[in-house]
């Protein structure tokens, strides 16, 4: 259980922005932009309240907790834009 929580640590101070085309994650000095259609896997771990997002290369580009402000909004966008169930 704690492994999933630890996976969110690199994203704790990240800034997440969304647009009609993509989701962007700003961390430290790097930015990752992923088109909604390139999100191929969403893994929700209910026991730790963590959500992992993966791109079309199988790379995890974001891990967040359900305590994130705007979590429900982001989940709604993920469902609407990517077509995947959370």
PDB file of N, CA and C in Angstrom:
ATOM      1  N   UNK A   1       0.809  -1.188   0.000  1.00  0.00           N
ATOM      2  CA  UNK A   1       0.000   0.000   0.000  1.00  0.00           C
ATOM      3  C   UNK A   1       0.856   1.258   0.000  1.00  0.00           C
ATOM      4  N   UNK A   2       1.895   1.268   0.813  1.00  0.00           N
ATOM      5  CA  UNK A   2       2.709   2.482   0.909  1.00  0.00           C
ATOM      6  C   UNK A   2       3.494   2.759  -0.367  1.00  0.00           C
ATOM      7  N   UNK A   3       3.756   1.732  -1.170  1.00  0.00           N
ATOM      8  CA  UNK A   3       4.474   1.919  -2.429  1.00  0.00           C
ATOM      9  C   UNK A   3       3.710   2.887  -3.326  1.00  0.00           C
ATOM     10  N   UNK A   4       2.397   2.740  -3.402  1.00  0.00           N
ATOM     11  CA  UNK A   4       1.600   3.625  -4.239  1.00  0.00           C
ATOM     12  C   UNK A   4       1.628   5.054  -3.704  1.00  0.00           C
ATOM     13  N   UNK A   5       1.608   5.212  -2.404  1.00  0.00           N
ATOM     14  CA  UNK A   5       1.712   6.540  -1.805  1.00  0.00           C
ATOM     15  C   UNK A   5       3.055   7.178  -2.087  1.00  0.00           C
ATOM     16  N   UNK A   6       4.118   6.392  -2.016  1.00  0.00           N
ATOM     17  CA  UNK A   6       5.471   6.896  -2.295  1.00  0.00           C
ATOM     18  C   UNK A   6       5.594   7.339  -3.749  1.00  0.00           C
ATOM     19  N   UNK A   7       4.887   6.672  -4.651  1.00  0.00           N
ATOM     20  CA  UNK A   7       4.948   7.047  -6.058  1.00  0.00           C
ATOM     21  C   UNK A   7       4.383   8.442  -6.323  1.00  0.00           C
ATOM     22  N   UNK A   8       3.600   8.973  -5.384  1.00  0.00           N
ATOM     23  CA  UNK A   8       3.056  10.319  -5.575  1.00  0.00           C
ATOM     24  C   UNK A   8       4.047  11.401  -5.155  1.00  0.00           C
ATOM     25  N   UNK A   9       5.062  11.059  -4.380  1.00  0.00           N
ATOM     26  CA  UNK A   9       6.002  12.059  -3.859  1.00  0.00           C
ATOM     27  C   UNK A   9       6.646  12.940  -4.941  1.00  0.00           C
ATOM     28  N   UNK A  10       7.105  12.395  -6.060  1.00  0.00           N
ATOM     29  CA  UNK A  10       7.709  13.256  -7.070  1.00  0.00           C
ATOM     30  C   UNK A  10       6.739  14.279  -7.666  1.00  0.00           C
ATOM     31  N   UNK A  11       5.457  14.082  -7.455  1.00  0.00           N
ATOM     32  CA  UNK A  11       4.449  14.965  -8.038  1.00  0.00           C
ATOM     33  C   UNK A  11       3.808  15.896  -7.015  1.00  0.00           C
ATOM     34  N   UNK A  12       4.303  15.883  -5.782  1.00  0.00           N
ATOM     35  CA  UNK A  12       3.689  16.674  -4.716  1.00  0.00           C
ATOM     36  C   UNK A  12       3.674  18.172  -5.009  1.00  0.00           C
ATOM     37  N   UNK A  13       4.706  18.701  -5.583  1.00  0.00           N
ATOM     38  CA  UNK A  13       4.760  20.133  -5.880  1.00  0.00           C
ATOM     39  C   UNK A  13       4.543  20.422  -7.360  1.00  0.00           C
ATOM     40  N   UNK A  14       4.007  19.468  -8.071  1.00  0.00           N
ATOM     41  CA  UNK A  14       3.764  19.644  -9.504  1.00  0.00           C
ATOM     42  C   UNK A  14       2.567  20.567  -9.719  1.00  0.00           C
ATOM     43  N   UNK A  15       2.612  21.242 -10.842  1.00  0.00           N
ATOM     44  CA  UNK A  15       1.486  22.064 -11.272  1.00  0.00           C
ATOM     45  C   UNK A  15       0.858  21.343 -12.464  1.00  0.00           C
ATOM     46  N   UNK A  16      -0.440  21.096 -12.378  1.00  0.00           N
ATOM     47  CA  UNK A  16      -1.148  20.380 -13.430  1.00  0.00           C
ATOM     48  C   UNK A  16      -2.075  21.366 -14.130  1.00  0.00           C
ATOM     49  N   UNK A  17      -1.922  21.468 -15.446  1.00  0.00           N
ATOM     50  CA  UNK A  17      -2.833  22.301 -16.223  1.00  0.00           C
ATOM     51  C   UNK A  17      -3.485  21.437 -17.292  1.00  0.00           C
ATOM     52  N   UNK A  18      -4.709  21.792 -17.624  1.00  0.00           N
ATOM     53  CA  UNK A  18      -5.440  21.040 -18.634  1.00  0.00           C
ATOM     54  C   UNK A  18      -5.984  21.999 -19.686  1.00  0.00           C
ATOM     55  N   UNK A  19      -6.102  21.488 -20.894  1.00  0.00           N
ATOM     56  CA  UNK A  19      -6.725  22.227 -21.983  1.00  0.00           C
ATOM     57  C   UNK A  19      -7.600  21.251 -22.753  1.00  0.00           C
ATOM     58  N   UNK A  20      -8.210  21.712 -23.811  1.00  0.00           N
ATOM     59  CA  UNK A  20      -9.035  20.816 -24.618  1.00  0.00           C
ATOM     60  C   UNK A  20      -8.226  19.702 -25.251  1.00  0.00           C
ATOM     61  N   UNK A  21      -6.942  19.960 -25.505  1.00  0.00           N
ATOM     62  CA  UNK A  21      -6.106  18.988 -26.211  1.00  0.00           C
ATOM     63  C   UNK A  21      -5.271  18.099 -25.313  1.00  0.00           C
ATOM     64  N   UNK A  22      -4.847  18.610 -24.155  1.00  0.00           N
ATOM     65  CA  UNK A  22      -3.843  17.871 -23.387  1.00  0.00           C
ATOM     66  C   UNK A  22      -3.862  18.196 -21.907  1.00  0.00           C
ATOM     67  N   UNK A  23      -3.074  17.421 -21.183  1.00  0.00           N
ATOM     68  CA  UNK A  23      -2.796  17.649 -19.777  1.00  0.00           C
ATOM     69  C   UNK A  23      -1.294  17.894 -19.678  1.00  0.00           C
ATOM     70  N   UNK A  24      -0.912  18.905 -18.907  1.00  0.00           N
ATOM     71  CA  UNK A  24       0.500  19.226 -18.730  1.00  0.00           C
ATOM     72  C   UNK A  24       0.859  19.133 -17.258  1.00  0.00           C
ATOM     73  N   UNK A  25       2.028  18.556 -16.994  1.00  0.00           N
ATOM     74  CA  UNK A  25       2.521  18.401 -15.635  1.00  0.00           C
ATOM     75  C   UNK A  25       3.866  19.113 -15.546  1.00  0.00           C
ATOM     76  N   UNK A  26       3.922  20.168 -14.737  1.00  0.00           N
ATOM     77  CA  UNK A  26       5.155  20.938 -14.527  1.00  0.00           C
ATOM     78  C   UNK A  26       5.760  20.504 -13.207  1.00  0.00           C
ATOM     79  N   UNK A  27       6.970  19.933 -13.275  1.00  0.00           N
ATOM     80  CA  UNK A  27       7.699  19.514 -12.069  1.00  0.00           C
ATOM     81  C   UNK A  27       9.098  20.073 -12.126  1.00  0.00           C
ATOM     82  N   UNK A  28       9.486  20.749 -11.076  1.00  0.00           N
ATOM     83  CA  UNK A  28      10.836  21.315 -10.982  1.00  0.00           C
ATOM     84  C   UNK A  28      11.186  22.009 -12.286  1.00  0.00           C
ATOM     85  N   UNK A  29      12.098  21.451 -13.044  1.00  0.00           N
ATOM     86  CA  UNK A  29      12.517  22.101 -14.293  1.00  0.00           C
ATOM     87  C   UNK A  29      12.050  21.344 -15.529  1.00  0.00           C
ATOM     88  N   UNK A  30      11.125  20.414 -15.366  1.00  0.00           N
ATOM     89  CA  UNK A  30      10.661  19.650 -16.528  1.00  0.00           C
ATOM     90  C   UNK A  30       9.153  19.790 -16.698  1.00  0.00           C
ATOM     91  N   UNK A  31       8.745  19.643 -17.932  1.00  0.00           N
ATOM     92  CA  UNK A  31       7.326  19.689 -18.273  1.00  0.00           C
ATOM     93  C   UNK A  31       6.992  18.490 -19.143  1.00  0.00           C
ATOM     94  N   UNK A  32       5.899  17.837 -18.814  1.00  0.00           N
ATOM     95  CA  UNK A  32       5.409  16.729 -19.624  1.00  0.00           C
ATOM     96  C   UNK A  32       4.020  17.112 -20.110  1.00  0.00           C
ATOM     97  N   UNK A  33       3.836  17.064 -21.414  1.00  0.00           N
ATOM     98  CA  UNK A  33       2.523  17.338 -22.009  1.00  0.00           C
ATOM     99  C   UNK A  33       2.046  16.071 -22.698  1.00  0.00           C
ATOM    100  N   UNK A  34       0.858  15.630 -22.348  1.00  0.00           N
ATOM    101  CA  UNK A  34       0.301  14.396 -22.907  1.00  0.00           C
ATOM    102  C   UNK A  34      -1.091  14.705 -23.449  1.00  0.00           C
ATOM    103  N   UNK A  35      -1.305  14.385 -24.700  1.00  0.00           N
ATOM    104  CA  UNK A  35      -2.635  14.560 -25.291  1.00  0.00           C
ATOM    105  C   UNK A  35      -3.606  13.595 -24.626  1.00  0.00           C
ATOM    106  N   UNK A  36      -4.844  14.022 -24.514  1.00  0.00           N
ATOM    107  CA  UNK A  36      -5.863  13.176 -23.890  1.00  0.00           C
ATOM    108  C   UNK A  36      -5.951  11.826 -24.584  1.00  0.00           C
ATOM    109  N   UNK A  37      -5.835  11.823 -25.903  1.00  0.00           N
ATOM    110  CA  UNK A  37      -5.944  10.572 -26.662  1.00  0.00           C
ATOM    111  C   UNK A  37      -4.734   9.666 -26.473  1.00  0.00           C
ATOM    112  N   UNK A  38      -3.647  10.211 -25.905  1.00  0.00           N
ATOM    113  CA  UNK A  38      -2.445   9.413 -25.670  1.00  0.00           C
ATOM    114  C   UNK A  38      -2.426   8.779 -24.288  1.00  0.00           C
ATOM    115  N   UNK A  39      -3.431   9.058 -23.484  1.00  0.00           N
ATOM    116  CA  UNK A  39      -3.532   8.412 -22.175  1.00  0.00           C
ATOM    117  C   UNK A  39      -4.167   7.046 -22.410  1.00  0.00           C
ATOM    118  N   UNK A  40      -3.380   6.014 -22.182  1.00  0.00           N
ATOM    119  CA  UNK A  40      -3.854   4.667 -22.510  1.00  0.00           C
ATOM    120  C   UNK A  40      -4.218   3.828 -21.294  1.00  0.00           C
ATOM    121  N   UNK A  41      -3.809   4.287 -20.106  1.00  0.00           N
ATOM    122  CA  UNK A  41      -4.099   3.497 -18.914  1.00  0.00           C
ATOM    123  C   UNK A  41      -4.267   4.427 -17.725  1.00  0.00           C
ATOM    124  N   UNK A  42      -5.313   4.157 -16.968  1.00  0.00           N
ATOM    125  CA  UNK A  42      -5.550   4.856 -15.712  1.00  0.00           C
ATOM    126  C   UNK A  42      -5.693   3.775 -14.654  1.00  0.00           C
ATOM    127  N   UNK A  43      -4.873   3.862 -13.639  1.00  0.00           N
ATOM    128  CA  UNK A  43      -4.927   2.841 -12.581  1.00  0.00           C
ATOM    129  C   UNK A  43      -5.302   3.518 -11.275  1.00  0.00           C
ATOM    130  N   UNK A  44      -6.458   3.164 -10.754  1.00  0.00           N
ATOM    131  CA  UNK A  44      -6.907   3.702  -9.474  1.00  0.00           C
ATOM    132  C   UNK A  44      -6.683   2.648  -8.401  1.00  0.00           C
ATOM    133  N   UNK A  45      -5.936   3.016  -7.388  1.00  0.00           N
ATOM    134  CA  UNK A  45      -5.678   2.103  -6.271  1.00  0.00           C
ATOM    135  C   UNK A  45      -6.503   2.615  -5.088  1.00  0.00           C
ATOM    136  N   UNK A  46      -7.682   2.029  -4.915  1.00  0.00           N
ATOM    137  CA  UNK A  46      -8.633   2.509  -3.916  1.00  0.00           C
ATOM    138  C   UNK A  46      -8.084   2.429  -2.499  1.00  0.00           C
ATOM    139  N   UNK A  47      -7.322   1.387  -2.190  1.00  0.00           N
ATOM    140  CA  UNK A  47      -6.830   1.207  -0.825  1.00  0.00           C
ATOM    141  C   UNK A  47      -5.892   2.320  -0.378  1.00  0.00           C
ATOM    142  N   UNK A  48      -5.207   2.963  -1.316  1.00  0.00           N
ATOM    143  CA  UNK A  48      -4.308   4.065  -0.974  1.00  0.00           C
ATOM    144  C   UNK A  48      -4.808   5.397  -1.517  1.00  0.00           C
ATOM    145  N   UNK A  49      -5.944   5.390  -2.174  1.00  0.00           N
ATOM    146  CA  UNK A  49      -6.549   6.587  -2.756  1.00  0.00           C
ATOM    147  C   UNK A  49      -5.586   7.302  -3.706  1.00  0.00           C
ATOM    148  N   UNK A  50      -4.959   6.519  -4.575  1.00  0.00           N
ATOM    149  CA  UNK A  50      -3.978   7.045  -5.529  1.00  0.00           C
ATOM    150  C   UNK A  50      -4.435   6.716  -6.944  1.00  0.00           C
ATOM    151  N   UNK A  51      -4.197   7.663  -7.836  1.00  0.00           N
ATOM    152  CA  UNK A  51      -4.516   7.500  -9.245  1.00  0.00           C
ATOM    153  C   UNK A  51      -3.230   7.652 -10.050  1.00  0.00           C
ATOM    154  N   UNK A  52      -2.915   6.640 -10.866  1.00  0.00           N
ATOM    155  CA  UNK A  52      -1.729   6.667 -11.722  1.00  0.00           C
ATOM    156  C   UNK A  52      -2.184   6.821 -13.169  1.00  0.00           C
ATOM    157  N   UNK A  53      -1.525   7.705 -13.911  1.00  0.00           N
ATOM    158  CA  UNK A  53      -1.837   7.916 -15.326  1.00  0.00           C
ATOM    159  C   UNK A  53      -0.648   7.512 -16.171  1.00  0.00           C
ATOM    160  N   UNK A  54      -0.925   6.804 -17.280  1.00  0.00           N
ATOM    161  CA  UNK A  54       0.117   6.291 -18.162  1.00  0.00           C
ATOM    162  C   UNK A  54      -0.124   6.781 -19.593  1.00  0.00           C
ATOM    163  N   UNK A  55       0.977   7.066 -20.285  1.00  0.00           N
ATOM    164  CA  UNK A  55       0.869   7.502 -21.677  1.00  0.00           C
ATOM    165  C   UNK A  55       0.920   6.310 -22.617  1.00  0.00           C
ATOM    166  N   UNK A  56       0.886   6.593 -23.927  1.00  0.00           N
ATOM    167  CA  UNK A  56       0.854   5.520 -24.918  1.00  0.00           C
ATOM    168  C   UNK A  56       2.164   4.747 -25.031  1.00  0.00           C
ATOM    169  N   UNK A  57       3.211   5.200 -24.339  1.00  0.00           N
ATOM    170  CA  UNK A  57       4.477   4.463 -24.295  1.00  0.00           C
ATOM    171  C   UNK A  57       4.559   3.583 -23.045  1.00  0.00           C
ATOM    172  N   UNK A  58       3.493   3.602 -22.253  1.00  0.00           N
ATOM    173  CA  UNK A  58       3.472   2.819 -21.024  1.00  0.00           C
ATOM    174  C   UNK A  58       4.165   3.483 -19.863  1.00  0.00           C
ATOM    175  N   UNK A  59       4.536   4.746 -20.026  1.00  0.00           N
ATOM    176  CA  UNK A  59       5.236   5.487 -18.978  1.00  0.00           C
ATOM    177  C   UNK A  59       4.246   6.179 -18.050  1.00  0.00           C
ATOM    178  N   UNK A  60       4.466   6.055 -16.772  1.00  0.00           N
ATOM    179  CA  UNK A  60       3.640   6.772 -15.801  1.00  0.00           C
ATOM    180  C   UNK A  60       4.090   8.227 -15.821  1.00  0.00           C
ATOM    181  N   UNK A  61       3.161   9.126 -16.105  1.00  0.00           N
ATOM    182  CA  UNK A  61       3.522  10.538 -16.161  1.00  0.00           C
ATOM    183  C   UNK A  61       2.914  11.352 -15.026  1.00  0.00           C
ATOM    184  N   UNK A  62       2.015  10.733 -14.261  1.00  0.00           N
ATOM    185  CA  UNK A  62       1.420  11.441 -13.131  1.00  0.00           C
ATOM    186  C   UNK A  62       0.829  10.444 -12.151  1.00  0.00           C
ATOM    187  N   UNK A  63       1.061  10.706 -10.872  1.00  0.00           N
ATOM    188  CA  UNK A  63       0.413   9.958  -9.793  1.00  0.00           C
ATOM    189  C   UNK A  63      -0.098  10.984  -8.801  1.00  0.00           C
ATOM    190  N   UNK A  64      -1.376  10.894  -8.482  1.00  0.00           N
ATOM    191  CA  UNK A  64      -1.979  11.868  -7.570  1.00  0.00           C
ATOM    192  C   UNK A  64      -2.830  11.146  -6.536  1.00  0.00           C
ATOM    193  N   UNK A  65      -3.101  11.842  -5.449  1.00  0.00           N
ATOM    194  CA  UNK A  65      -3.984  11.297  -4.421  1.00  0.00           C
ATOM    195  C   UNK A  65      -5.364  11.920  -4.576  1.00  0.00           C
ATOM    196  N   UNK A  66      -6.332  11.261  -3.989  1.00  0.00           N
ATOM    197  CA  UNK A  66      -7.698  11.757  -4.033  1.00  0.00           C
ATOM    198  C   UNK A  66      -7.860  13.050  -3.241  1.00  0.00           C
ATOM    199  N   UNK A  67      -6.881  13.402  -2.429  1.00  0.00           N
ATOM    200  CA  UNK A  67      -6.955  14.629  -1.642  1.00  0.00           C
ATOM    201  C   UNK A  67      -6.574  15.876  -2.457  1.00  0.00           C
ATOM    202  N   UNK A  68      -6.142  15.686  -3.683  1.00  0.00           N
ATOM    203  CA  UNK A  68      -5.780  16.806  -4.548  1.00  0.00           C
ATOM    204  C   UNK A  68      -6.987  17.709  -4.766  1.00  0.00           C
ATOM    205  N   UNK A  69      -6.778  19.027  -4.598  1.00  0.00           N
ATOM    206  CA  UNK A  69      -7.853  19.959  -4.922  1.00  0.00           C
ATOM    207  C   UNK A  69      -8.161  19.818  -6.405  1.00  0.00           C
ATOM    208  N   UNK A  70      -9.418  19.643  -6.735  1.00  0.00           N
ATOM    209  CA  UNK A  70      -9.810  19.474  -8.124  1.00  0.00           C
ATOM    210  C   UNK A  70      -9.736  18.044  -8.614  1.00  0.00           C
ATOM    211  N   UNK A  71      -9.561  17.083  -7.710  1.00  0.00           N
ATOM    212  CA  UNK A  71      -9.456  15.676  -8.093  1.00  0.00           C
ATOM    213  C   UNK A  71     -10.689  15.220  -8.885  1.00  0.00           C
ATOM    214  N   UNK A  72     -11.870  15.513  -8.390  1.00  0.00           N
ATOM    215  CA  UNK A  72     -13.094  15.085  -9.070  1.00  0.00           C
ATOM    216  C   UNK A  72     -13.201  15.724 -10.457  1.00  0.00           C
ATOM    217  N   UNK A  73     -12.807  16.979 -10.571  1.00  0.00           N
ATOM    218  CA  UNK A  73     -12.819  17.656 -11.863  1.00  0.00           C
ATOM    219  C   UNK A  73     -11.876  16.955 -12.836  1.00  0.00           C
ATOM    220  N   UNK A  74     -10.664  16.627 -12.380  1.00  0.00           N
ATOM    221  CA  UNK A  74      -9.684  15.954 -13.221  1.00  0.00           C
ATOM    222  C   UNK A  74     -10.182  14.570 -13.655  1.00  0.00           C
ATOM    223  N   UNK A  75     -10.771  13.843 -12.746  1.00  0.00           N
ATOM    224  CA  UNK A  75     -11.310  12.519 -13.078  1.00  0.00           C
ATOM    225  C   UNK A  75     -12.407  12.643 -14.139  1.00  0.00           C
ATOM    226  N   UNK A  76     -13.263  13.645 -14.002  1.00  0.00           N
ATOM    227  CA  UNK A  76     -14.297  13.874 -14.999  1.00  0.00           C
ATOM    228  C   UNK A  76     -13.710  14.175 -16.366  1.00  0.00           C
ATOM    229  N   UNK A  77     -12.677  15.012 -16.414  1.00  0.00           N
ATOM    230  CA  UNK A  77     -12.010  15.316 -17.677  1.00  0.00           C
ATOM    231  C   UNK A  77     -11.343  14.080 -18.264  1.00  0.00           C
ATOM    232  N   UNK A  78     -10.693  13.292 -17.435  1.00  0.00           N
ATOM    233  CA  UNK A  78     -10.047  12.079 -17.906  1.00  0.00           C
ATOM    234  C   UNK A  78     -11.057  11.154 -18.568  1.00  0.00           C
ATOM    235  N   UNK A  79     -12.192  10.995 -17.935  1.00  0.00           N
ATOM    236  CA  UNK A  79     -13.228  10.125 -18.487  1.00  0.00           C
ATOM    237  C   UNK A  79     -13.762  10.695 -19.803  1.00  0.00           C
ATOM    238  N   UNK A  80     -14.035  11.988 -19.805  1.00  0.00           N
ATOM    239  CA  UNK A  80     -14.610  12.633 -20.992  1.00  0.00           C
ATOM    240  C   UNK A  80     -13.626  12.673 -22.168  1.00  0.00           C
ATOM    241  N   UNK A  81     -12.392  13.088 -21.903  1.00  0.00           N
ATOM    242  CA  UNK A  81     -11.427  13.334 -22.980  1.00  0.00           C
ATOM    243  C   UNK A  81     -10.699  12.084 -23.454  1.00  0.00           C
ATOM    244  N   UNK A  82     -10.394  11.172 -22.525  1.00  0.00           N
ATOM    245  CA  UNK A  82      -9.637   9.981 -22.926  1.00  0.00           C
ATOM    246  C   UNK A  82     -10.550   8.808 -23.265  1.00  0.00           C
ATOM    247  N   UNK A  83     -11.771   8.839 -22.749  1.00  0.00           N
ATOM    248  CA  UNK A  83     -12.688   7.729 -22.978  1.00  0.00           C
ATOM    249  C   UNK A  83     -12.445   6.540 -22.069  1.00  0.00           C
ATOM    250  N   UNK A  84     -11.519   6.677 -21.133  1.00  0.00           N
ATOM    251  CA  UNK A  84     -11.200   5.586 -20.216  1.00  0.00           C
ATOM    252  C   UNK A  84     -11.987   5.728 -18.928  1.00  0.00           C
ATOM    253  N   UNK A  85     -12.302   4.618 -18.298  1.00  0.00           N
ATOM    254  CA  UNK A  85     -12.977   4.640 -17.005  1.00  0.00           C
ATOM    255  C   UNK A  85     -11.954   4.732 -15.888  1.00  0.00           C
ATOM    256  N   UNK A  86     -12.331   5.478 -14.873  1.00  0.00           N
ATOM    257  CA  UNK A  86     -11.451   5.625 -13.714  1.00  0.00           C
ATOM    258  C   UNK A  86     -11.985   4.786 -12.593  1.00  0.00           C
TER     259      UNK A  86
END
